[in-house]
Amino acid sequence: MKTSPFLYIAITTLILITITVMSAMDFPFGWVFYLTVLGQVFLVVMVYKVLTDDYKTDKTFDHFYEDRPIEPLELRAENETEKFRL
């Protein structure tokens, strides 16, 4: 079974939030340091997993955002007969 990259994103996010809380609460330097190193390792693994994920889509930049579709804008100059789409 293939692991989703969202699991790596969640773990990395939780580690980095924990580091922030621990440093704000003056935890011992050793704990914060080693958790930071672990967070950096997870960050590299997360980026690798996200970039190598076998994700396919049929969407293009013409679709813009799915929650707010836009219609193509047609511009026509006074002297021109061709349509230009933006």
Protein backbone atom coordinates (compact mmCIF):
# COMPACT_ATOMS: atom_id res chain seq x y z
CA MET A 1 0.00 0.00 0.00
CA LYS A 2 1.33 3.40 -0.98
CA THR A 3 1.57 6.07 1.72
CA SER A 4 0.02 9.42 0.89
CA PRO A 5 2.32 12.46 1.06
CA PHE A 6 -0.26 14.12 3.32
CA LEU A 7 0.95 11.92 6.19
CA TYR A 8 4.47 13.32 5.79
CA ILE A 9 3.11 16.86 5.60
CA ALA A 10 1.14 16.35 8.83
CA ILE A 11 4.07 14.82 10.73
CA THR A 12 6.47 17.56 9.61
CA THR A 13 3.99 20.28 10.53
CA LEU A 14 3.42 18.81 14.00
CA ILE A 15 7.18 18.52 14.62
CA LEU A 16 7.83 22.11 13.59
CA ILE A 17 4.91 23.46 15.66
CA THR A 18 6.20 21.46 18.64
CA ILE A 19 9.65 23.04 18.20
CA THR A 20 8.09 26.49 18.23
CA VAL A 21 6.13 25.78 21.42
CA MET A 22 9.10 24.15 23.13
CA SER A 23 11.42 27.07 22.40
CA ALA A 24 8.79 29.56 23.60
CA MET A 25 8.43 27.61 26.86
CA ASP A 26 12.22 27.51 27.47
CA PHE A 27 12.65 23.75 27.18
CA PRO A 28 16.24 22.49 27.53
CA PHE A 29 18.45 23.30 24.55
CA GLY A 30 19.21 19.62 23.83
CA TRP A 31 15.56 18.71 23.32
CA VAL A 32 14.91 21.66 21.01
CA PHE A 33 18.13 21.06 19.07
CA TYR A 34 17.53 17.36 18.41
CA LEU A 35 13.89 17.93 17.53
CA THR A 36 15.01 20.66 15.10
CA VAL A 37 17.41 18.23 13.42
CA LEU A 38 14.63 15.63 13.23
CA GLY A 39 12.31 18.28 11.77
CA GLN A 40 14.85 19.14 9.09
CA VAL A 41 15.17 15.47 8.13
CA PHE A 42 11.39 15.15 7.93
CA LEU A 43 11.23 18.33 5.84
CA VAL A 44 13.61 16.87 3.25
CA VAL A 45 11.69 13.56 3.23
CA MET A 46 8.38 15.41 2.90
CA VAL A 47 9.60 17.46 -0.08
CA TYR A 48 10.90 14.30 -1.77
CA LYS A 49 7.63 12.42 -1.21
CA VAL A 50 5.50 15.31 -2.48
CA LEU A 51 7.60 15.82 -5.60
CA THR A 52 7.76 12.12 -6.49
CA ASP A 53 4.07 11.42 -5.83
CA ASP A 54 2.28 9.87 -8.82
CA TYR A 55 -0.49 12.48 -9.03
CA LYS A 56 -2.38 12.98 -12.27
CA THR A 57 -4.89 15.69 -13.16
CA ASP A 58 -6.73 16.84 -16.24
CA LYS A 59 -6.88 20.46 -15.07
CA THR A 60 -4.97 23.21 -16.86
CA PHE A 61 -4.36 26.87 -16.15
CA ASP A 62 -7.45 27.65 -18.23
CA HIS A 63 -9.56 26.14 -15.42
CA PHE A 64 -8.21 28.72 -12.91
CA TYR A 65 -9.70 27.87 -9.51
CA GLU A 66 -12.37 25.21 -9.21
CA ASP A 67 -14.31 27.08 -6.55
CA ARG A 68 -14.45 30.27 -8.61
CA PRO A 69 -14.46 29.52 -12.33
CA ILE A 70 -13.94 32.37 -14.74
CA GLU A 71 -15.10 32.71 -18.29
CA PRO A 72 -12.55 33.64 -20.95
CA LEU A 73 -12.45 37.35 -21.65
CA GLU A 74 -12.67 38.34 -25.30
CA LEU A 75 -11.09 41.63 -26.32
CA ARG A 76 -11.62 43.22 -29.68
CA ALA A 77 -9.91 46.38 -30.87
CA GLU A 78 -11.81 48.83 -33.07
CA ASN A 79 -9.87 48.06 -36.25
CA GLU A 80 -9.29 44.35 -35.72
CA THR A 81 -11.31 41.41 -36.89
CA GLU A 82 -9.55 38.73 -34.81
CA LYS A 83 -10.53 37.90 -31.23
CA PHE A 84 -7.92 37.80 -28.50
CA ARG A 85 -8.50 35.71 -25.40
CA LEU A 86 -7.03 36.56 -22.02
